[in-house]
N, C-alpha and C. Protein backbone atom coordinates (compact mmCIF):
# COMPACT_ATOMS: atom_id res chain seq x y z
N MET A 1 0.83 -1.17 0.06
CA MET A 1 0.00 0.05 -0.10
C MET A 1 0.88 1.23 0.00
N ASN A 2 0.56 2.23 -0.79
CA ASN A 2 1.20 3.38 -0.94
C ASN A 2 0.98 4.24 0.33
N LEU A 3 2.15 4.61 1.16
CA LEU A 3 1.92 5.38 2.34
C LEU A 3 1.58 6.75 2.13
N ASN A 4 2.06 7.35 1.04
CA ASN A 4 1.61 8.76 0.80
C ASN A 4 0.16 8.84 0.54
N HIS A 5 -0.41 7.72 -0.05
CA HIS A 5 -1.86 7.72 -0.27
C HIS A 5 -2.52 7.59 1.00
N LEU A 6 -1.99 6.74 2.02
CA LEU A 6 -2.45 6.64 3.37
C LEU A 6 -2.51 8.06 4.01
N LEU A 7 -1.42 8.76 3.82
CA LEU A 7 -1.28 10.05 4.46
C LEU A 7 -2.49 11.03 4.17
N HIS A 8 -2.95 10.98 2.87
CA HIS A 8 -4.04 11.82 2.64
C HIS A 8 -5.47 11.22 2.82
N ASP A 9 -5.59 9.92 2.64
CA ASP A 9 -6.82 9.28 2.73
C ASP A 9 -7.13 8.68 4.08
N ASN A 10 -6.08 8.26 4.88
CA ASN A 10 -6.37 7.59 6.06
C ASN A 10 -5.20 7.76 7.14
N ALA A 11 -5.25 9.12 7.65
CA ALA A 11 -4.23 9.37 8.66
C ALA A 11 -4.18 8.65 9.90
N THR A 12 -5.42 8.17 10.26
CA THR A 12 -5.56 7.31 11.35
C THR A 12 -4.77 5.92 11.14
N GLU A 13 -4.93 5.39 10.01
CA GLU A 13 -4.28 4.07 9.72
C GLU A 13 -2.77 4.30 9.64
N LEU A 14 -2.29 5.43 9.10
CA LEU A 14 -0.82 5.75 9.10
C LEU A 14 -0.32 5.82 10.50
N PHE A 15 -1.02 6.65 11.30
CA PHE A 15 -0.64 6.82 12.73
C PHE A 15 -0.60 5.48 13.43
N HIS A 16 -1.51 4.66 13.34
CA HIS A 16 -1.54 3.31 13.95
C HIS A 16 -0.43 2.47 13.43
N ARG A 17 -0.11 2.51 12.18
CA ARG A 17 1.10 1.78 11.63
C ARG A 17 2.39 2.35 12.32
N PHE A 18 2.51 3.64 12.41
CA PHE A 18 3.61 4.21 12.95
C PHE A 18 3.80 3.81 14.46
N GLN A 19 2.64 3.71 15.22
CA GLN A 19 2.62 3.32 16.62
C GLN A 19 3.14 1.84 16.70
N GLN A 20 2.92 1.04 15.69
CA GLN A 20 3.28 -0.39 15.69
C GLN A 20 4.79 -0.66 15.25
N GLY A 21 5.37 0.45 14.85
CA GLY A 21 6.77 0.35 14.48
C GLY A 21 6.99 0.15 12.97
N ASP A 22 6.01 0.37 12.15
CA ASP A 22 6.14 0.32 10.79
C ASP A 22 7.14 1.44 10.19
N GLU A 23 8.18 0.97 9.65
CA GLU A 23 9.36 1.90 9.27
C GLU A 23 8.86 2.83 8.14
N ASP A 24 7.96 2.27 7.20
CA ASP A 24 7.63 3.23 6.15
C ASP A 24 6.66 4.25 6.74
N ALA A 25 5.82 3.94 7.56
CA ALA A 25 4.93 4.99 8.16
C ALA A 25 5.85 5.98 9.04
N PHE A 26 6.87 5.41 9.67
CA PHE A 26 7.85 6.40 10.37
C PHE A 26 8.43 7.34 9.44
N LYS A 27 8.93 6.83 8.31
CA LYS A 27 9.49 7.66 7.29
C LYS A 27 8.77 8.72 6.68
N VAL A 28 7.37 8.48 6.64
CA VAL A 28 6.46 9.57 6.21
C VAL A 28 6.42 10.74 7.17
N PHE A 29 6.37 10.37 8.48
CA PHE A 29 6.55 11.57 9.46
C PHE A 29 7.84 12.04 9.59
N TYR A 30 8.93 11.33 9.23
CA TYR A 30 10.32 11.85 9.18
C TYR A 30 10.36 12.91 8.16
N ASP A 31 9.95 12.52 6.85
CA ASP A 31 10.02 13.36 5.73
C ASP A 31 9.19 14.65 5.86
N ARG A 32 8.05 14.48 6.60
CA ARG A 32 7.13 15.55 6.80
C ARG A 32 7.80 16.56 7.77
N HIS A 33 8.47 16.08 8.80
CA HIS A 33 8.77 17.02 9.96
C HIS A 33 10.29 17.32 9.96
N PHE A 34 11.15 16.57 9.40
CA PHE A 34 12.61 16.87 9.50
C PHE A 34 13.08 18.21 8.91
N PRO A 35 12.59 18.60 7.66
CA PRO A 35 13.04 19.95 7.21
C PRO A 35 12.60 21.05 8.08
N ARG A 36 11.42 21.05 8.50
CA ARG A 36 10.84 22.26 9.25
C ARG A 36 11.61 22.24 10.63
N LEU A 37 11.70 21.18 11.30
CA LEU A 37 12.37 20.95 12.62
C LEU A 37 13.87 21.47 12.48
N SER A 38 14.58 21.07 11.42
CA SER A 38 15.84 21.54 11.17
C SER A 38 15.95 22.98 11.00
N LEU A 39 15.12 23.60 10.42
CA LEU A 39 15.10 25.14 10.29
C LEU A 39 14.97 25.74 11.61
N ILE A 40 14.04 25.20 12.44
CA ILE A 40 13.76 25.84 13.66
C ILE A 40 15.06 25.63 14.66
N ILE A 41 15.60 24.45 14.66
CA ILE A 41 16.73 24.29 15.54
C ILE A 41 17.92 24.89 15.05
N GLY A 42 17.99 25.22 13.79
CA GLY A 42 19.02 26.02 13.24
C GLY A 42 19.12 27.46 13.62
N ASP A 43 17.89 27.99 14.21
CA ASP A 43 17.85 29.23 14.78
C ASP A 43 18.49 29.24 16.25
N TYR A 44 18.59 27.99 16.80
CA TYR A 44 19.22 28.02 18.10
C TYR A 44 20.71 27.65 17.95
N VAL A 45 21.08 26.82 17.08
CA VAL A 45 22.44 26.16 16.85
C VAL A 45 22.86 26.59 15.38
N ASP A 46 24.10 27.08 15.28
CA ASP A 46 24.43 27.66 13.92
C ASP A 46 25.31 26.55 13.20
N GLN A 47 25.62 25.43 13.87
CA GLN A 47 26.35 24.39 13.17
C GLN A 47 25.49 23.43 12.59
N ARG A 48 25.54 23.34 11.26
CA ARG A 48 24.60 22.35 10.37
C ARG A 48 24.77 20.98 10.92
N ASP A 49 25.93 20.45 11.15
CA ASP A 49 26.09 18.97 11.46
C ASP A 49 25.53 18.75 12.96
N VAL A 50 25.56 19.77 13.84
CA VAL A 50 24.99 19.68 15.04
C VAL A 50 23.45 19.61 15.08
N VAL A 51 22.96 20.61 14.17
CA VAL A 51 21.56 20.71 13.93
C VAL A 51 21.01 19.20 13.50
N GLU A 52 21.68 18.70 12.56
CA GLU A 52 21.21 17.33 12.04
C GLU A 52 21.32 16.31 13.12
N ASP A 53 22.27 16.32 13.97
CA ASP A 53 22.45 15.38 14.97
C ASP A 53 21.34 15.53 16.09
N ILE A 54 21.01 16.77 16.36
CA ILE A 54 19.90 17.00 17.36
C ILE A 54 18.59 16.54 16.73
N VAL A 55 18.31 16.81 15.53
CA VAL A 55 17.03 16.59 15.02
C VAL A 55 16.99 15.08 14.70
N THR A 56 18.02 14.40 14.43
CA THR A 56 18.03 12.96 14.27
C THR A 56 17.72 12.19 15.55
N ASN A 57 18.48 12.71 16.52
CA ASN A 57 18.19 12.24 17.93
C ASN A 57 16.79 12.36 18.32
N ALA A 58 16.24 13.43 18.02
CA ALA A 58 14.78 13.62 18.33
C ALA A 58 13.91 12.53 17.68
N PHE A 59 14.23 12.17 16.46
CA PHE A 59 13.40 11.20 15.74
C PHE A 59 13.69 9.90 16.39
N ILE A 60 14.97 9.60 16.76
CA ILE A 60 15.28 8.33 17.55
C ILE A 60 14.32 8.24 18.80
N LYS A 61 14.30 9.36 19.56
CA LYS A 61 13.56 9.28 20.76
C LYS A 61 12.17 9.20 20.44
N LEU A 62 11.62 9.80 19.39
CA LEU A 62 10.21 9.59 18.92
C LEU A 62 9.90 8.09 18.64
N TYR A 63 10.72 7.53 17.85
CA TYR A 63 10.49 6.17 17.59
C TYR A 63 10.60 5.19 18.86
N ASP A 64 11.38 5.58 19.79
CA ASP A 64 11.46 4.76 21.12
C ASP A 64 10.28 4.96 21.91
N HIS A 65 9.64 6.19 21.75
CA HIS A 65 8.43 6.51 22.64
C HIS A 65 7.17 6.49 21.86
N ARG A 66 7.23 5.89 20.65
CA ARG A 66 5.94 5.99 19.79
C ARG A 66 4.72 5.44 20.30
N ALA A 67 4.89 4.45 21.28
CA ALA A 67 3.72 3.85 21.85
C ALA A 67 3.04 4.84 22.87
N SER A 68 3.77 5.78 23.40
CA SER A 68 3.18 6.65 24.36
C SER A 68 2.51 7.86 23.59
N ILE A 69 2.73 8.12 22.38
CA ILE A 69 2.12 9.08 21.53
C ILE A 69 0.73 8.69 21.24
N LYS A 70 -0.21 9.58 21.74
CA LYS A 70 -1.70 9.07 21.61
C LYS A 70 -2.50 9.62 20.38
N GLU A 71 -1.93 10.61 19.73
CA GLU A 71 -2.65 11.01 18.53
C GLU A 71 -1.65 11.74 17.58
N PRO A 72 -1.88 11.77 16.38
CA PRO A 72 -0.80 12.19 15.34
C PRO A 72 -0.42 13.76 15.56
N GLY A 73 -1.26 14.53 16.17
CA GLY A 73 -0.90 16.00 16.45
C GLY A 73 0.22 16.08 17.52
N GLN A 74 0.50 14.97 18.29
CA GLN A 74 1.39 14.99 19.30
C GLN A 74 2.82 14.74 18.72
N ILE A 75 2.92 14.26 17.56
CA ILE A 75 4.17 13.82 17.02
C ILE A 75 5.21 15.07 16.88
N TYR A 76 4.75 16.15 16.25
CA TYR A 76 5.58 17.27 16.07
C TYR A 76 5.83 17.91 17.32
N ALA A 77 4.76 18.04 18.22
CA ALA A 77 5.13 18.64 19.58
C ALA A 77 6.16 17.93 20.27
N PHE A 78 6.01 16.51 20.30
CA PHE A 78 7.17 15.73 20.94
C PHE A 78 8.49 16.03 20.27
N LEU A 79 8.56 16.05 19.01
CA LEU A 79 9.88 16.20 18.31
C LEU A 79 10.41 17.57 18.71
N PHE A 80 9.57 18.65 18.65
CA PHE A 80 9.99 20.00 18.95
C PHE A 80 10.52 20.16 20.34
N VAL A 81 9.87 19.67 21.39
CA VAL A 81 10.29 19.71 22.69
C VAL A 81 11.66 19.09 22.95
N VAL A 82 11.70 17.77 22.37
CA VAL A 82 12.93 17.08 22.60
C VAL A 82 14.09 17.72 21.87
N ALA A 83 13.96 18.23 20.52
CA ALA A 83 15.00 18.85 19.91
C ALA A 83 15.37 20.21 20.45
N LYS A 84 14.42 20.94 20.85
CA LYS A 84 14.61 22.26 21.57
C LYS A 84 15.47 22.10 22.88
N ASN A 85 15.01 21.03 23.67
CA ASN A 85 15.85 20.88 24.89
C ASN A 85 17.30 20.36 24.52
N ASP A 86 17.43 19.55 23.64
CA ASP A 86 18.80 19.07 23.32
C ASP A 86 19.64 20.26 22.72
N ALA A 87 18.89 21.19 21.94
CA ALA A 87 19.67 22.29 21.47
C ALA A 87 20.08 23.31 22.57
N ILE A 88 19.16 23.49 23.57
CA ILE A 88 19.60 24.26 24.72
C ILE A 88 20.63 23.60 25.56
N GLY A 89 20.64 22.28 25.63
CA GLY A 89 21.63 21.45 26.40
C GLY A 89 22.96 21.69 25.73
N HIS A 90 22.92 21.75 24.28
CA HIS A 90 24.22 21.87 23.62
C HIS A 90 24.82 23.31 23.80
N LEU A 91 23.90 24.26 23.89
CA LEU A 91 24.28 25.64 24.03
C LEU A 91 24.88 25.80 25.44
N ARG A 92 24.24 25.17 26.42
CA ARG A 92 24.73 25.33 27.83
C ARG A 92 26.12 24.57 27.96
N ARG A 93 26.32 23.46 27.29
CA ARG A 93 27.65 22.81 27.27
C ARG A 93 28.79 23.74 26.72
N GLN A 94 28.35 24.26 25.56
CA GLN A 94 29.42 25.13 24.86
C GLN A 94 29.72 26.39 25.83
N ARG A 95 28.67 26.94 26.39
CA ARG A 95 28.87 28.04 27.25
C ARG A 95 29.72 27.67 28.41
N ARG A 96 29.53 26.59 29.09
CA ARG A 96 30.32 26.11 30.30
C ARG A 96 31.74 25.90 29.81
N GLN A 97 31.91 25.29 28.63
CA GLN A 97 33.42 25.14 28.09
C GLN A 97 33.91 26.48 27.83
N ARG A 98 33.38 27.36 27.31
CA ARG A 98 33.88 28.91 27.02
C ARG A 98 34.28 29.47 28.42
N ILE A 99 33.26 29.37 29.31
CA ILE A 99 33.58 30.05 30.61
C ILE A 99 34.77 29.37 31.37
N GLY A 100 34.88 28.06 31.20
CA GLY A 100 35.92 27.35 31.87
C GLY A 100 37.26 27.74 31.25
N ARG A 101 37.21 27.88 29.77
CA ARG A 101 38.36 28.34 29.21
C ARG A 101 38.88 29.72 29.51
N ALA A 102 37.85 30.55 29.62
CA ALA A 102 38.02 32.01 29.90
C ALA A 102 38.70 32.13 31.41
N MET A 103 38.03 31.36 32.33
CA MET A 103 38.59 31.37 33.70
C MET A 103 39.91 30.80 33.77
N GLN A 104 40.17 29.89 32.95
CA GLN A 104 41.53 29.24 33.01
C GLN A 104 42.58 30.23 32.50
N GLU A 105 42.24 30.91 31.34
CA GLU A 105 43.04 31.90 30.77
C GLU A 105 43.40 33.05 31.81
N GLN A 106 42.32 33.52 32.48
CA GLN A 106 42.57 34.57 33.48
C GLN A 106 43.47 34.10 34.58
N LEU A 107 43.35 32.87 35.14
CA LEU A 107 44.11 32.48 36.13
C LEU A 107 45.55 32.37 35.54
N VAL A 108 45.73 31.92 34.34
CA VAL A 108 47.10 31.84 33.83
C VAL A 108 47.68 33.15 33.68
N ASP A 109 46.96 34.10 33.26
CA ASP A 109 47.41 35.55 33.01
C ASP A 109 47.85 36.03 34.37
N ARG A 110 47.23 35.76 35.37
CA ARG A 110 47.60 36.25 36.82
C ARG A 110 48.81 35.56 37.35
N GLU A 111 48.88 34.33 37.16
CA GLU A 111 49.88 33.54 37.89
C GLU A 111 51.11 33.11 37.09
N TYR A 112 50.97 33.05 35.83
CA TYR A 112 52.21 32.61 35.09
C TYR A 112 52.47 33.57 33.88
N HIS A 113 53.69 33.64 33.53
CA HIS A 113 54.00 34.55 32.36
C HIS A 113 54.41 33.63 31.15
N ASP A 114 54.91 32.41 31.58
CA ASP A 114 55.53 31.47 30.57
C ASP A 114 54.39 30.48 30.18
N PRO A 115 53.89 30.52 28.96
CA PRO A 115 52.83 29.62 28.56
C PRO A 115 53.13 28.29 28.55
N ARG A 116 54.44 27.79 28.32
CA ARG A 116 54.83 26.43 28.43
C ARG A 116 54.71 25.96 29.87
N GLU A 117 55.15 26.74 30.78
CA GLU A 117 54.99 26.38 32.19
C GLU A 117 53.52 26.20 32.70
N THR A 118 52.72 27.07 32.18
CA THR A 118 51.31 27.01 32.38
C THR A 118 50.75 25.76 31.93
N GLU A 119 51.00 25.49 30.73
CA GLU A 119 50.52 24.18 30.14
C GLU A 119 51.08 22.88 30.85
N LEU A 120 52.27 22.91 31.28
CA LEU A 120 52.92 21.79 32.05
C LEU A 120 52.14 21.71 33.38
N GLU A 121 51.86 22.86 34.01
CA GLU A 121 51.15 22.84 35.27
C GLU A 121 49.79 22.27 35.11
N ARG A 122 49.11 22.75 34.05
CA ARG A 122 47.63 22.26 33.85
C ARG A 122 47.82 20.83 33.57
N ASP A 123 48.66 20.34 32.73
CA ASP A 123 48.76 18.90 32.55
C ASP A 123 49.07 18.09 33.67
N ARG A 124 49.95 18.58 34.65
CA ARG A 124 50.11 17.97 35.90
C ARG A 124 48.89 17.81 36.77
N TRP A 125 48.11 18.88 36.81
CA TRP A 125 46.83 18.89 37.59
C TRP A 125 45.87 17.83 37.01
N MET A 126 45.76 18.00 35.64
CA MET A 126 44.83 17.12 35.05
C MET A 126 45.19 15.57 35.14
N ALA A 127 46.36 15.27 35.11
CA ALA A 127 47.01 13.99 35.34
C ALA A 127 46.56 13.44 36.73
N LYS A 128 46.83 14.35 37.70
CA LYS A 128 46.55 14.01 39.05
C LYS A 128 45.02 13.85 39.21
N ILE A 129 44.23 14.70 38.63
CA ILE A 129 42.80 14.44 38.71
C ILE A 129 42.36 13.06 37.95
N ARG A 130 42.84 12.86 36.87
CA ARG A 130 42.55 11.63 36.16
C ARG A 130 42.91 10.33 36.96
N ASP A 131 44.08 10.35 37.69
CA ASP A 131 44.56 9.31 38.47
C ASP A 131 43.61 9.12 39.60
N LEU A 132 43.25 10.22 40.27
CA LEU A 132 42.13 10.03 41.42
C LEU A 132 40.89 9.65 40.83
N VAL A 133 40.53 9.96 39.70
CA VAL A 133 39.20 9.59 39.26
C VAL A 133 39.11 8.05 39.01
N GLU A 134 40.26 7.56 38.50
CA GLU A 134 40.43 6.09 38.35
C GLU A 134 40.17 5.19 39.70
N LEU A 135 40.43 5.92 40.87
CA LEU A 135 40.22 5.29 42.11
C LEU A 135 38.75 5.26 42.54
N LEU A 136 37.95 6.01 41.87
CA LEU A 136 36.48 6.01 42.15
C LEU A 136 35.88 4.60 41.76
N PRO A 137 34.70 4.33 42.48
CA PRO A 137 33.85 3.05 41.95
C PRO A 137 33.32 3.37 40.63
N PRO A 138 33.19 2.35 39.83
CA PRO A 138 32.98 2.33 38.36
C PRO A 138 31.78 3.30 38.06
N ALA A 139 30.59 3.15 38.77
CA ALA A 139 29.46 4.10 38.43
C ALA A 139 29.78 5.52 38.70
N ARG A 140 30.43 5.83 39.80
CA ARG A 140 30.81 7.18 40.16
C ARG A 140 31.77 7.83 39.24
N LYS A 141 32.70 6.87 38.84
CA LYS A 141 33.61 7.34 37.87
C LYS A 141 33.08 7.72 36.44
N LYS A 142 32.13 6.87 36.04
CA LYS A 142 31.38 7.17 34.84
C LYS A 142 30.64 8.48 34.83
N ILE A 143 29.91 8.73 35.93
CA ILE A 143 29.14 9.92 36.10
C ILE A 143 30.09 11.25 36.20
N PHE A 144 31.14 11.09 36.89
CA PHE A 144 32.11 12.05 36.99
C PHE A 144 32.67 12.52 35.64
N ARG A 145 33.01 11.49 34.79
CA ARG A 145 33.63 11.79 33.47
C ARG A 145 32.59 12.39 32.58
N LEU A 146 31.38 11.87 32.58
CA LEU A 146 30.36 12.39 31.74
C LEU A 146 30.05 13.87 32.14
N HIS A 147 30.08 14.18 33.41
CA HIS A 147 29.67 15.52 33.75
C HIS A 147 30.89 16.48 33.59
N PHE A 148 32.02 16.17 34.07
CA PHE A 148 33.12 17.16 34.03
C PHE A 148 33.90 17.10 32.77
N PHE A 149 34.11 15.91 32.27
CA PHE A 149 34.97 15.77 30.98
C PHE A 149 34.28 15.94 29.79
N GLU A 150 32.98 15.43 29.66
CA GLU A 150 32.16 15.58 28.44
C GLU A 150 31.15 16.63 28.44
N GLY A 151 30.87 17.18 29.80
CA GLY A 151 30.02 18.44 29.82
C GLY A 151 28.61 18.15 29.87
N LEU A 152 28.14 16.80 30.07
CA LEU A 152 26.74 16.52 30.15
C LEU A 152 26.05 17.04 31.40
N SER A 153 24.80 17.36 31.33
CA SER A 153 24.08 17.94 32.48
C SER A 153 23.68 16.63 33.25
N ILE A 154 23.26 16.98 34.53
CA ILE A 154 22.79 15.89 35.41
C ILE A 154 21.57 15.11 34.85
N ARG A 155 20.70 15.92 34.19
CA ARG A 155 19.47 15.32 33.51
C ARG A 155 19.89 14.43 32.40
N GLU A 156 20.84 14.95 31.60
CA GLU A 156 21.33 14.04 30.38
C GLU A 156 22.01 12.81 30.88
N ILE A 157 22.80 12.90 32.01
CA ILE A 157 23.45 11.62 32.47
C ILE A 157 22.41 10.76 32.97
N ALA A 158 21.44 11.32 33.77
CA ALA A 158 20.34 10.31 34.41
C ALA A 158 19.62 9.64 33.15
N ASN A 159 19.32 10.42 32.14
CA ASN A 159 18.65 9.71 31.03
C ASN A 159 19.45 8.73 30.27
N GLN A 160 20.83 9.03 30.09
CA GLN A 160 21.67 8.12 29.52
C GLN A 160 21.88 6.95 30.24
N LEU A 161 21.97 6.95 31.52
CA LEU A 161 22.28 5.83 32.47
C LEU A 161 21.05 5.20 33.10
N ASN A 162 19.92 5.72 32.73
CA ASN A 162 18.60 5.25 33.42
C ASN A 162 18.75 5.39 34.93
N LEU A 163 19.15 6.59 35.38
CA LEU A 163 19.26 6.69 36.85
C LEU A 163 18.21 7.95 37.18
N THR A 164 18.00 8.06 38.41
CA THR A 164 17.32 9.31 38.82
C THR A 164 18.36 10.47 38.88
N GLU A 165 17.90 11.72 38.68
CA GLU A 165 18.71 12.88 38.80
C GLU A 165 19.32 12.97 40.11
N THR A 166 18.64 12.51 41.24
CA THR A 166 19.01 12.61 42.49
C THR A 166 20.32 11.59 42.72
N THR A 167 20.28 10.45 42.17
CA THR A 167 21.34 9.54 42.23
C THR A 167 22.50 10.11 41.62
N VAL A 168 22.31 10.68 40.37
CA VAL A 168 23.46 11.13 39.72
C VAL A 168 24.15 12.36 40.40
N ARG A 169 23.29 13.13 40.89
CA ARG A 169 23.84 14.41 41.66
C ARG A 169 24.55 13.85 42.93
N ASN A 170 24.04 12.88 43.64
CA ASN A 170 24.69 12.36 44.74
C ASN A 170 26.13 11.69 44.34
N GLN A 171 26.01 10.97 43.46
CA GLN A 171 27.30 10.25 43.02
C GLN A 171 28.39 11.32 42.57
N ARG A 172 27.91 12.29 41.95
CA ARG A 172 28.81 13.35 41.47
C ARG A 172 29.43 14.02 42.63
N ASN A 173 28.50 14.28 43.65
CA ASN A 173 29.07 15.02 44.86
C ASN A 173 30.03 14.22 45.71
N ARG A 174 29.67 12.98 45.80
CA ARG A 174 30.61 12.06 46.60
C ARG A 174 31.94 12.03 45.78
N ALA A 175 31.90 12.05 44.43
CA ALA A 175 33.25 12.12 43.69
C ALA A 175 34.05 13.44 44.02
N LEU A 176 33.30 14.55 43.99
CA LEU A 176 34.00 15.77 44.36
C LEU A 176 34.41 15.73 45.83
N ILE A 177 33.71 15.28 46.73
CA ILE A 177 34.19 15.21 48.05
C ILE A 177 35.51 14.32 48.23
N PHE A 178 35.41 13.23 47.44
CA PHE A 178 36.70 12.43 47.45
C PHE A 178 37.96 13.20 46.82
N LEU A 179 37.73 13.90 45.73
CA LEU A 179 38.82 14.71 45.16
C LEU A 179 39.23 15.79 46.06
N ARG A 180 38.26 16.50 46.71
CA ARG A 180 38.77 17.56 47.62
C ARG A 180 39.67 17.06 48.76
N GLN A 181 39.24 16.02 49.38
CA GLN A 181 40.03 15.30 50.34
C GLN A 181 41.35 14.88 49.93
N ALA A 182 41.38 14.37 48.67
CA ALA A 182 42.64 13.92 48.07
C ALA A 182 43.55 14.97 47.97
N PHE A 183 43.05 16.11 47.52
CA PHE A 183 44.02 17.33 47.25
C PHE A 183 44.39 17.95 48.60
N LEU A 184 43.69 17.77 49.66
CA LEU A 184 43.99 18.38 50.90
C LEU A 184 45.14 17.59 51.52
N LEU A 185 45.15 16.36 51.39
CA LEU A 185 46.18 15.40 51.99
C LEU A 185 47.58 15.75 51.59
């Protein structure tokens, strides 16, 4: 059966097939919504490849949650919310990285004049941090790396690891306490 024909004649049947995991039905919704959603997310994020990743991930989440979508009108709303939240998360990670670099440069400007010495000192501190992180229990180590090295938010880590945000926050805080104590020794 031609799905484009279904789109016009029987939207309910198309939606039902989508909910059942029919890839052709999913492709109809993908073709319908991908260009528009890409344009909108492009207003938030100016990197084309990142926009495509964000929108593609929204469609993956849509497919994974298709059974919870109750009517066809909810499809675009779901995609929009997921993509917008991911775009905002991306912008926050970029901002945190920029702020971190700016703060590091300010400290370097105040404390050191030789850039090679600054880089060596930074590398020594990072090596010590990485060595200490290796001593953490596996789950705590993973959470610490995702948050501080990869820039993921508490919510993103919780979603990725299927944990509660409280659990992620507690594990991150315990890792920080351990590192603080190790540096004070």
